[in-house]
Amino acid sequence: MGAGREVSISLDGVRDKNLMQLKKLNTVLFPVRYNDKYYADALVSGEFTKLAYYSDICVGAIACRLERKEGGGLCVYIMTLGVLAPYRGLGVGSRLLNHVLELCSKQNISEIYLHVQTNNEDAIKFYKKFGFEIRDTIRNYYINIEPPDCYVVSKSLDQPQVKK
């Protein structure tokens, strides 16, 4: 890419009219196929699902689902976060994740988590950079991909502390 040129990364919401872009990205980025429920969850999550554009080219996306915790609070599950290989290392993934982390902060969401295939060292390193930790290992989580195991990677988000 052009040295010294400022390139903008912009985010856009996912709607019915651009849902196909998310579907195409997922086909290229991930070894699993996503069902209609995934796309329905992505659409209803509103601001928590975004497409990323690098110089007006759709190069990445984050899709989240909001979940109710046992105590009634909300947590965010990152269903997918991916950036096309030629555009990795340019801040696109960081921009997508930071967007969701900021939303969590504004909405007092205390936890965010995801599943990562145990051999996906790049993803594990990426999330650790943002303060995520491996909390658990689930054996045989994935079907038809090797290895079938995943880590549960999560981050507790700072909430205002009550002084004792």
C-alpha atoms as a PDB file:
ATOM      1  CA  MET A   1       0.000   0.000   0.000  1.00  0.00           C
ATOM      2  CA  GLY A   2       1.164   3.555  -0.608  1.00  0.00           C
ATOM      3  CA  ALA A   3       3.740   4.673   1.935  1.00  0.00           C
ATOM      4  CA  GLY A   4       2.848   7.768   3.880  1.00  0.00           C
ATOM      5  CA  ARG A   5      -0.705   7.877   2.575  1.00  0.00           C
ATOM      6  CA  GLU A   6      -3.416   8.134   5.189  1.00  0.00           C
ATOM      7  CA  VAL A   7      -5.962   5.417   4.490  1.00  0.00           C
ATOM      8  CA  SER A   8      -9.253   5.452   6.256  1.00  0.00           C
ATOM      9  CA  ILE A   9     -10.876   2.464   7.881  1.00  0.00           C
ATOM     10  CA  SER A  10     -14.612   2.955   8.112  1.00  0.00           C
ATOM     11  CA  LEU A  11     -17.288   0.824   9.724  1.00  0.00           C
ATOM     12  CA  ASP A  12     -20.825   0.243   8.545  1.00  0.00           C
ATOM     13  CA  GLY A  13     -23.762  -1.585  10.063  1.00  0.00           C
ATOM     14  CA  VAL A  14     -25.010  -4.854   8.631  1.00  0.00           C
ATOM     15  CA  ARG A  15     -28.482  -4.684   7.112  1.00  0.00           C
ATOM     16  CA  ASP A  16     -30.537  -6.852   4.789  1.00  0.00           C
ATOM     17  CA  LYS A  17     -29.158  -5.008   1.759  1.00  0.00           C
ATOM     18  CA  ASN A  18     -25.476  -5.679   2.591  1.00  0.00           C
ATOM     19  CA  LEU A  19     -25.805  -8.985   4.453  1.00  0.00           C
ATOM     20  CA  MET A  20     -24.364 -10.763   1.413  1.00  0.00           C
ATOM     21  CA  GLN A  21     -21.034  -8.996   2.024  1.00  0.00           C
ATOM     22  CA  LEU A  22     -20.859 -10.581   5.494  1.00  0.00           C
ATOM     23  CA  LYS A  23     -21.748 -13.973   3.999  1.00  0.00           C
ATOM     24  CA  LYS A  24     -19.023 -13.685   1.341  1.00  0.00           C
ATOM     25  CA  LEU A  25     -16.403 -12.611   3.908  1.00  0.00           C
ATOM     26  CA  ASN A  26     -17.286 -15.534   6.181  1.00  0.00           C
ATOM     27  CA  THR A  27     -16.971 -17.993   3.297  1.00  0.00           C
ATOM     28  CA  VAL A  28     -13.425 -16.763   2.613  1.00  0.00           C
ATOM     29  CA  LEU A  29     -12.305 -16.280   6.220  1.00  0.00           C
ATOM     30  CA  PHE A  30     -13.620 -19.247   8.199  1.00  0.00           C
ATOM     31  CA  PRO A  31     -13.479 -23.044   7.811  1.00  0.00           C
ATOM     32  CA  VAL A  32     -17.090 -23.418   8.988  1.00  0.00           C
ATOM     33  CA  ARG A  33     -20.379 -22.499   7.328  1.00  0.00           C
ATOM     34  CA  TYR A  34     -22.795 -20.348   9.260  1.00  0.00           C
ATOM     35  CA  ASN A  35     -26.529 -21.014   9.404  1.00  0.00           C
ATOM     36  CA  ASP A  36     -29.542 -18.710   9.207  1.00  0.00           C
ATOM     37  CA  LYS A  37     -29.594 -18.278  13.010  1.00  0.00           C
ATOM     38  CA  TYR A  38     -26.075 -16.807  12.901  1.00  0.00           C
ATOM     39  CA  TYR A  39     -27.154 -14.210  10.318  1.00  0.00           C
ATOM     40  CA  ALA A  40     -30.403 -13.456  12.173  1.00  0.00           C
ATOM     41  CA  ASP A  41     -28.399 -12.893  15.399  1.00  0.00           C
ATOM     42  CA  ALA A  42     -25.946 -10.683  13.505  1.00  0.00           C
ATOM     43  CA  LEU A  43     -28.756  -8.530  12.126  1.00  0.00           C
ATOM     44  CA  VAL A  44     -30.547  -8.046  15.461  1.00  0.00           C
ATOM     45  CA  SER A  45     -27.356  -7.167  17.356  1.00  0.00           C
ATOM     46  CA  GLY A  46     -27.422  -3.710  15.760  1.00  0.00           C
ATOM     47  CA  GLU A  47     -24.239  -1.751  16.452  1.00  0.00           C
ATOM     48  CA  PHE A  48     -22.478  -4.909  17.690  1.00  0.00           C
ATOM     49  CA  THR A  49     -22.125  -6.233  14.131  1.00  0.00           C
ATOM     50  CA  LYS A  50     -20.083  -4.169  11.665  1.00  0.00           C
ATOM     51  CA  LEU A  51     -18.468  -4.444   8.261  1.00  0.00           C
ATOM     52  CA  ALA A  52     -15.046  -2.812   7.913  1.00  0.00           C
ATOM     53  CA  TYR A  53     -13.987  -0.929   4.809  1.00  0.00           C
ATOM     54  CA  TYR A  54     -10.414  -0.082   3.892  1.00  0.00           C
ATOM     55  CA  SER A  55     -10.445   2.660   1.250  1.00  0.00           C
ATOM     56  CA  ASP A  56     -14.064   1.730   0.485  1.00  0.00           C
ATOM     57  CA  ILE A  57     -13.264  -1.985  -0.005  1.00  0.00           C
ATOM     58  CA  CYS A  58     -15.066  -4.390   2.356  1.00  0.00           C
ATOM     59  CA  VAL A  59     -12.173  -6.250   4.030  1.00  0.00           C
ATOM     60  CA  GLY A  60     -13.448  -7.437   7.416  1.00  0.00           C
ATOM     61  CA  ALA A  61     -16.299  -7.824   9.845  1.00  0.00           C
ATOM     62  CA  ILE A  62     -17.244  -8.457  13.430  1.00  0.00           C
ATOM     63  CA  ALA A  63     -20.515 -10.167  14.321  1.00  0.00           C
ATOM     64  CA  CYS A  64     -21.675 -10.385  17.921  1.00  0.00           C
ATOM     65  CA  ARG A  65     -24.624 -11.721  19.843  1.00  0.00           C
ATOM     66  CA  LEU A  66     -25.889 -10.204  23.076  1.00  0.00           C
ATOM     67  CA  GLU A  67     -26.626 -12.812  25.723  1.00  0.00           C
ATOM     68  CA  ARG A  68     -28.392 -12.669  29.091  1.00  0.00           C
ATOM     69  CA  LYS A  69     -26.289 -13.900  31.981  1.00  0.00           C
ATOM     70  CA  GLU A  70     -27.768 -15.876  34.873  1.00  0.00           C
ATOM     71  CA  GLY A  71     -27.866 -12.792  37.095  1.00  0.00           C
ATOM     72  CA  GLY A  72     -29.804 -10.886  34.441  1.00  0.00           C
ATOM     73  CA  GLY A  73     -26.903  -8.794  33.119  1.00  0.00           C
ATOM     74  CA  LEU A  74     -25.782  -8.789  29.508  1.00  0.00           C
ATOM     75  CA  CYS A  75     -22.620 -10.196  28.021  1.00  0.00           C
ATOM     76  CA  VAL A  76     -21.372 -10.086  24.449  1.00  0.00           C
ATOM     77  CA  TYR A  77     -20.395 -13.173  22.477  1.00  0.00           C
ATOM     78  CA  ILE A  78     -18.171 -12.527  19.464  1.00  0.00           C
ATOM     79  CA  MET A  79     -19.493 -14.981  16.884  1.00  0.00           C
ATOM     80  CA  THR A  80     -16.892 -13.970  14.287  1.00  0.00           C
ATOM     81  CA  LEU A  81     -14.174 -11.382  13.787  1.00  0.00           C
ATOM     82  CA  GLY A  82     -12.122 -11.616  10.633  1.00  0.00           C
ATOM     83  CA  VAL A  83     -10.071  -9.564   8.204  1.00  0.00           C
ATOM     84  CA  LEU A  84      -8.998 -10.619   4.707  1.00  0.00           C
ATOM     85  CA  ALA A  85      -5.338 -11.726   4.728  1.00  0.00           C
ATOM     86  CA  PRO A  86      -3.881  -8.889   2.579  1.00  0.00           C
ATOM     87  CA  TYR A  87      -5.379  -6.326   4.988  1.00  0.00           C
ATOM     88  CA  ARG A  88      -4.219  -7.848   8.280  1.00  0.00           C
ATOM     89  CA  GLY A  89      -1.818  -5.798  10.368  1.00  0.00           C
ATOM     90  CA  LEU A  90      -3.315  -2.498   9.182  1.00  0.00           C
ATOM     91  CA  GLY A  91      -5.512  -1.929  12.236  1.00  0.00           C
ATOM     92  CA  VAL A  92      -8.790  -3.187  10.752  1.00  0.00           C
ATOM     93  CA  GLY A  93      -9.347  -5.948  13.324  1.00  0.00           C
ATOM     94  CA  SER A  94      -8.324  -3.618  16.152  1.00  0.00           C
ATOM     95  CA  ARG A  95     -10.777  -0.994  14.934  1.00  0.00           C
ATOM     96  CA  LEU A  96     -13.604  -3.558  14.853  1.00  0.00           C
ATOM     97  CA  LEU A  97     -12.816  -4.950  18.312  1.00  0.00           C
ATOM     98  CA  ASN A  98     -12.331  -1.489  19.849  1.00  0.00           C
ATOM     99  CA  HIS A  99     -15.729  -0.446  18.459  1.00  0.00           C
ATOM    100  CA  VAL A 100     -17.422  -3.346  20.273  1.00  0.00           C
ATOM    101  CA  LEU A 101     -15.412  -2.805  23.485  1.00  0.00           C
ATOM    102  CA  GLU A 102     -16.506   0.857  23.518  1.00  0.00           C
ATOM    103  CA  LEU A 103     -20.148  -0.166  23.069  1.00  0.00           C
ATOM    104  CA  CYS A 104     -19.799  -2.601  25.977  1.00  0.00           C
ATOM    105  CA  SER A 105     -18.384   0.170  28.141  1.00  0.00           C
ATOM    106  CA  LYS A 106     -21.207   2.589  27.263  1.00  0.00           C
ATOM    107  CA  GLN A 107     -23.850  -0.050  27.977  1.00  0.00           C
ATOM    108  CA  ASN A 108     -22.276  -1.358  31.216  1.00  0.00           C
ATOM    109  CA  ILE A 109     -21.715  -4.825  29.778  1.00  0.00           C
ATOM    110  CA  SER A 110     -19.324  -6.631  32.089  1.00  0.00           C
ATOM    111  CA  GLU A 111     -18.056  -9.498  29.940  1.00  0.00           C
ATOM    112  CA  ILE A 112     -17.151 -10.294  26.365  1.00  0.00           C
ATOM    113  CA  TYR A 113     -16.120 -13.741  25.146  1.00  0.00           C
ATOM    114  CA  LEU A 114     -15.576 -15.975  22.138  1.00  0.00           C
ATOM    115  CA  HIS A 115     -14.373 -19.395  21.018  1.00  0.00           C
ATOM    116  CA  VAL A 116     -11.005 -19.737  19.259  1.00  0.00           C
ATOM    117  CA  GLN A 117      -9.661 -22.890  17.635  1.00  0.00           C
ATOM    118  CA  THR A 118      -6.729 -24.082  19.776  1.00  0.00           C
ATOM    119  CA  ASN A 119      -4.221 -23.884  16.894  1.00  0.00           C
ATOM    120  CA  ASN A 120      -5.160 -20.319  15.857  1.00  0.00           C
ATOM    121  CA  GLU A 121      -2.117 -18.661  17.407  1.00  0.00           C
ATOM    122  CA  ASP A 122      -2.574 -15.378  15.524  1.00  0.00           C
ATOM    123  CA  ALA A 123      -6.097 -14.936  16.913  1.00  0.00           C
ATOM    124  CA  ILE A 124      -5.036 -15.909  20.442  1.00  0.00           C
ATOM    125  CA  LYS A 125      -2.177 -13.388  20.322  1.00  0.00           C
ATOM    126  CA  PHE A 126      -4.519 -10.709  18.936  1.00  0.00           C
ATOM    127  CA  TYR A 127      -7.075 -11.141  21.728  1.00  0.00           C
ATOM    128  CA  LYS A 128      -4.429 -11.328  24.463  1.00  0.00           C
ATOM    129  CA  LYS A 129      -3.164  -7.938  23.254  1.00  0.00           C
ATOM    130  CA  PHE A 130      -6.595  -6.579  24.228  1.00  0.00           C
ATOM    131  CA  GLY A 131      -6.553  -8.193  27.676  1.00  0.00           C
ATOM    132  CA  PHE A 132      -8.532 -11.340  26.880  1.00  0.00           C
ATOM    133  CA  GLU A 133      -7.570 -14.512  28.737  1.00  0.00           C
ATOM    134  CA  ILE A 134      -8.015 -18.197  27.982  1.00  0.00           C
ATOM    135  CA  ARG A 135     -10.593 -19.359  30.528  1.00  0.00           C
ATOM    136  CA  ASP A 136     -11.398 -22.890  29.384  1.00  0.00           C
ATOM    137  CA  THR A 137     -10.791 -25.565  26.749  1.00  0.00           C
ATOM    138  CA  ILE A 138     -13.679 -27.367  25.086  1.00  0.00           C
ATOM    139  CA  ARG A 139     -12.792 -30.681  23.474  1.00  0.00           C
ATOM    140  CA  ASN A 140     -14.483 -31.587  20.172  1.00  0.00           C
ATOM    141  CA  TYR A 141     -16.254 -28.226  19.883  1.00  0.00           C
ATOM    142  CA  TYR A 142     -15.889 -28.090  16.106  1.00  0.00           C
ATOM    143  CA  ILE A 143     -17.222 -30.642  13.656  1.00  0.00           C
ATOM    144  CA  ASN A 144     -15.309 -31.457  10.459  1.00  0.00           C
ATOM    145  CA  ILE A 145     -12.275 -29.251  11.163  1.00  0.00           C
ATOM    146  CA  GLU A 146      -8.949 -30.113  12.746  1.00  0.00           C
ATOM    147  CA  PRO A 147      -8.149 -29.676  15.527  1.00  0.00           C
ATOM    148  CA  PRO A 148     -11.736 -29.901  16.815  1.00  0.00           C
ATOM    149  CA  ASP A 149     -10.890 -28.252  20.144  1.00  0.00           C
ATOM    150  CA  CYS A 150     -11.368 -24.615  21.105  1.00  0.00           C
ATOM    151  CA  TYR A 151     -10.466 -22.224  23.860  1.00  0.00           C
ATOM    152  CA  VAL A 152     -13.018 -20.021  25.560  1.00  0.00           C
ATOM    153  CA  VAL A 153     -11.345 -16.618  25.521  1.00  0.00           C
ATOM    154  CA  SER A 154     -12.902 -13.839  27.572  1.00  0.00           C
ATOM    155  CA  LYS A 155     -12.388 -10.431  29.046  1.00  0.00           C
ATOM    156  CA  SER A 156     -14.024  -8.960  32.112  1.00  0.00           C
ATOM    157  CA  LEU A 157     -14.746  -5.331  31.454  1.00  0.00           C
ATOM    158  CA  ASP A 158     -14.031  -2.754  34.114  1.00  0.00           C
ATOM    159  CA  GLN A 159     -17.179  -1.583  35.803  1.00  0.00           C
ATOM    160  CA  PRO A 160     -17.223   1.278  38.269  1.00  0.00           C
ATOM    161  CA  GLN A 161     -15.982  -0.183  41.546  1.00  0.00           C
ATOM    162  CA  VAL A 162     -18.091   0.236  44.650  1.00  0.00           C
ATOM    163  CA  LYS A 163     -15.913   1.443  47.511  1.00  0.00           C
ATOM    164  CA  LYS A 164     -16.100  -0.680  50.654  1.00  0.00           C
END
